[in-house]
């Protein structure tokens, strides 16, 4: 069965950095694009970043461009989200997602809190 397990969330001060990881299993990781989403309290879940199967193409929400970097290691079945220059408005639960045959699969999420 498809499993996505996020990790790396924490409490961090404004201006700080975090790297999130999403370990995938139950499917052929290198065959699928991956994405990161986030959901802040009272807000809808939003797309943060996406990456193609070999990592050659990436896209980002305008709010994180220049600060976040998505990457993947197909040998480790893992997708990453490097987050720099964090702002309080980046506070959210972060999820990774894969779409397989039109069905979306989500991890359980990891909490990122940006606060002084």
C-alpha atoms as a PDB file:
ATOM      1  CA  UNK A   1       0.000   0.000   0.000  1.00  0.00           C
ATOM      2  CA  UNK A   2       1.094   3.551  -0.672  1.00  0.00           C
ATOM      3  CA  UNK A   3       2.709   5.204   2.346  1.00  0.00           C
ATOM      4  CA  UNK A   4       4.095   8.703   2.708  1.00  0.00           C
ATOM      5  CA  UNK A   5       5.776   9.675   5.973  1.00  0.00           C
ATOM      6  CA  UNK A   6       6.766  13.289   6.537  1.00  0.00           C
ATOM      7  CA  UNK A   7       9.326  14.409   9.098  1.00  0.00           C
ATOM      8  CA  UNK A   8      11.452  17.399  10.003  1.00  0.00           C
ATOM      9  CA  UNK A   9       8.846  19.840  11.245  1.00  0.00           C
ATOM     10  CA  UNK A  10       9.725  21.942  14.277  1.00  0.00           C
ATOM     11  CA  UNK A  11       9.410  25.280  16.029  1.00  0.00           C
ATOM     12  CA  UNK A  12      11.821  27.742  14.439  1.00  0.00           C
ATOM     13  CA  UNK A  13      12.446  31.462  14.761  1.00  0.00           C
ATOM     14  CA  UNK A  14      11.686  33.868  11.906  1.00  0.00           C
ATOM     15  CA  UNK A  15      14.571  33.869   9.446  1.00  0.00           C
ATOM     16  CA  UNK A  16      15.485  30.306  10.296  1.00  0.00           C
ATOM     17  CA  UNK A  17      15.660  27.201   8.136  1.00  0.00           C
ATOM     18  CA  UNK A  18      14.219  23.697   8.139  1.00  0.00           C
ATOM     19  CA  UNK A  19      14.432  20.702   5.854  1.00  0.00           C
ATOM     20  CA  UNK A  20      11.378  18.491   5.576  1.00  0.00           C
ATOM     21  CA  UNK A  21      11.572  14.925   4.330  1.00  0.00           C
ATOM     22  CA  UNK A  22       8.905  12.627   2.932  1.00  0.00           C
ATOM     23  CA  UNK A  23       9.761   8.934   2.788  1.00  0.00           C
ATOM     24  CA  UNK A  24       7.689   6.998   0.256  1.00  0.00           C
ATOM     25  CA  UNK A  25       6.907   3.305  -0.027  1.00  0.00           C
ATOM     26  CA  UNK A  26       4.408   0.983  -1.682  1.00  0.00           C
ATOM     27  CA  UNK A  27       4.876   2.321  -5.218  1.00  0.00           C
ATOM     28  CA  UNK A  28       7.658   2.903  -7.738  1.00  0.00           C
ATOM     29  CA  UNK A  29       8.777   6.294  -6.495  1.00  0.00           C
ATOM     30  CA  UNK A  30      10.853   7.210  -9.543  1.00  0.00           C
ATOM     31  CA  UNK A  31       7.815   6.921 -11.815  1.00  0.00           C
ATOM     32  CA  UNK A  32       5.808   9.740 -10.206  1.00  0.00           C
ATOM     33  CA  UNK A  33       5.938  13.472  -9.707  1.00  0.00           C
ATOM     34  CA  UNK A  34       5.754  14.556  -6.085  1.00  0.00           C
ATOM     35  CA  UNK A  35       4.466  17.653  -4.374  1.00  0.00           C
ATOM     36  CA  UNK A  36       4.367  19.449  -1.040  1.00  0.00           C
ATOM     37  CA  UNK A  37       1.266  21.154   0.302  1.00  0.00           C
ATOM     38  CA  UNK A  38       0.572  23.038   3.492  1.00  0.00           C
ATOM     39  CA  UNK A  39      -2.473  23.897   5.551  1.00  0.00           C
ATOM     40  CA  UNK A  40      -2.600  26.662   8.101  1.00  0.00           C
ATOM     41  CA  UNK A  41      -5.335  26.788  10.783  1.00  0.00           C
ATOM     42  CA  UNK A  42      -8.644  27.874   9.283  1.00  0.00           C
ATOM     43  CA  UNK A  43      -7.208  27.909   5.777  1.00  0.00           C
ATOM     44  CA  UNK A  44      -7.504  25.632   2.767  1.00  0.00           C
ATOM     45  CA  UNK A  45      -4.682  23.285   1.890  1.00  0.00           C
ATOM     46  CA  UNK A  46      -2.421  24.921  -0.690  1.00  0.00           C
ATOM     47  CA  UNK A  47       0.219  23.694  -3.107  1.00  0.00           C
ATOM     48  CA  UNK A  48       3.710  24.798  -2.085  1.00  0.00           C
ATOM     49  CA  UNK A  49       6.033  23.045  -4.538  1.00  0.00           C
ATOM     50  CA  UNK A  50       6.152  20.211  -7.041  1.00  0.00           C
ATOM     51  CA  UNK A  51       8.896  18.214  -8.725  1.00  0.00           C
ATOM     52  CA  UNK A  52       9.014  16.036 -11.831  1.00  0.00           C
ATOM     53  CA  UNK A  53       9.976  12.366 -11.833  1.00  0.00           C
ATOM     54  CA  UNK A  54      13.690  12.945 -12.404  1.00  0.00           C
ATOM     55  CA  UNK A  55      13.803  16.267 -10.594  1.00  0.00           C
ATOM     56  CA  UNK A  56      14.540  18.319 -13.681  1.00  0.00           C
ATOM     57  CA  UNK A  57      11.414  20.424 -13.414  1.00  0.00           C
ATOM     58  CA  UNK A  58      10.174  22.192 -10.308  1.00  0.00           C
ATOM     59  CA  UNK A  59       7.464  24.715  -9.576  1.00  0.00           C
ATOM     60  CA  UNK A  60       6.638  26.854  -6.553  1.00  0.00           C
ATOM     61  CA  UNK A  61       3.895  28.952  -5.091  1.00  0.00           C
ATOM     62  CA  UNK A  62       4.667  32.656  -5.447  1.00  0.00           C
ATOM     63  CA  UNK A  63       4.726  33.010  -1.673  1.00  0.00           C
ATOM     64  CA  UNK A  64       7.748  30.682  -1.324  1.00  0.00           C
ATOM     65  CA  UNK A  65       9.719  31.326  -4.518  1.00  0.00           C
ATOM     66  CA  UNK A  66      13.343  32.087  -3.781  1.00  0.00           C
ATOM     67  CA  UNK A  67      13.067  30.742  -0.219  1.00  0.00           C
ATOM     68  CA  UNK A  68      12.015  27.073  -0.602  1.00  0.00           C
ATOM     69  CA  UNK A  69      13.632  24.356  -2.685  1.00  0.00           C
ATOM     70  CA  UNK A  70      12.070  21.001  -3.512  1.00  0.00           C
ATOM     71  CA  UNK A  71      14.325  18.075  -4.380  1.00  0.00           C
ATOM     72  CA  UNK A  72      14.195  14.294  -4.532  1.00  0.00           C
ATOM     73  CA  UNK A  73      16.463  11.299  -4.157  1.00  0.00           C
ATOM     74  CA  UNK A  74      15.034   8.432  -6.178  1.00  0.00           C
ATOM     75  CA  UNK A  75      17.572   6.012  -4.702  1.00  0.00           C
ATOM     76  CA  UNK A  76      16.179   6.760  -1.225  1.00  0.00           C
ATOM     77  CA  UNK A  77      12.524   7.098  -2.255  1.00  0.00           C
ATOM     78  CA  UNK A  78      12.468  10.481  -0.548  1.00  0.00           C
ATOM     79  CA  UNK A  79      11.376  13.985  -1.460  1.00  0.00           C
ATOM     80  CA  UNK A  80      12.651  17.006   0.445  1.00  0.00           C
ATOM     81  CA  UNK A  81      11.601  20.582   1.043  1.00  0.00           C
ATOM     82  CA  UNK A  82      14.378  22.939   2.081  1.00  0.00           C
ATOM     83  CA  UNK A  83      12.849  26.017   3.670  1.00  0.00           C
ATOM     84  CA  UNK A  84      14.969  29.119   4.248  1.00  0.00           C
ATOM     85  CA  UNK A  85      14.175  32.627   5.486  1.00  0.00           C
ATOM     86  CA  UNK A  86      11.090  31.305   7.228  1.00  0.00           C
ATOM     87  CA  UNK A  87       8.301  33.717   8.092  1.00  0.00           C
ATOM     88  CA  UNK A  88       5.478  33.447  10.641  1.00  0.00           C
ATOM     89  CA  UNK A  89       3.053  33.058   7.741  1.00  0.00           C
ATOM     90  CA  UNK A  90       4.812  29.811   6.795  1.00  0.00           C
ATOM     91  CA  UNK A  91       3.358  28.255   9.942  1.00  0.00           C
ATOM     92  CA  UNK A  92       1.276  25.255   8.858  1.00  0.00           C
ATOM     93  CA  UNK A  93       1.084  21.501   8.689  1.00  0.00           C
ATOM     94  CA  UNK A  94       3.101  20.383   5.679  1.00  0.00           C
ATOM     95  CA  UNK A  95       2.051  17.356   3.640  1.00  0.00           C
ATOM     96  CA  UNK A  96       3.556  15.488   0.729  1.00  0.00           C
ATOM     97  CA  UNK A  97       1.354  14.072  -1.978  1.00  0.00           C
ATOM     98  CA  UNK A  98       1.544  11.673  -4.886  1.00  0.00           C
ATOM     99  CA  UNK A  99      -1.104  11.104  -7.549  1.00  0.00           C
ATOM    100  CA  UNK A 100      -1.288   7.567  -8.891  1.00  0.00           C
ATOM    101  CA  UNK A 101      -3.874   6.724 -11.557  1.00  0.00           C
ATOM    102  CA  UNK A 102      -5.888   9.867 -10.675  1.00  0.00           C
ATOM    103  CA  UNK A 103      -5.967   8.997  -6.958  1.00  0.00           C
ATOM    104  CA  UNK A 104      -4.201  11.299  -4.540  1.00  0.00           C
ATOM    105  CA  UNK A 105      -2.294   9.918  -1.563  1.00  0.00           C
ATOM    106  CA  UNK A 106      -1.232  12.028   1.395  1.00  0.00           C
ATOM    107  CA  UNK A 107       1.066  11.619   4.332  1.00  0.00           C
ATOM    108  CA  UNK A 108       0.052  12.421   7.897  1.00  0.00           C
ATOM    109  CA  UNK A 109       1.766  15.814   7.832  1.00  0.00           C
ATOM    110  CA  UNK A 110       4.469  17.495   9.874  1.00  0.00           C
ATOM    111  CA  UNK A 111       3.958  20.702  11.872  1.00  0.00           C
ATOM    112  CA  UNK A 112       6.090  23.744  11.114  1.00  0.00           C
ATOM    113  CA  UNK A 113       5.758  26.680  13.484  1.00  0.00           C
ATOM    114  CA  UNK A 114       7.622  29.920  12.850  1.00  0.00           C
ATOM    115  CA  UNK A 115       7.585  32.121  15.921  1.00  0.00           C
ATOM    116  CA  UNK A 116       9.885  34.112  18.144  1.00  0.00           C
END
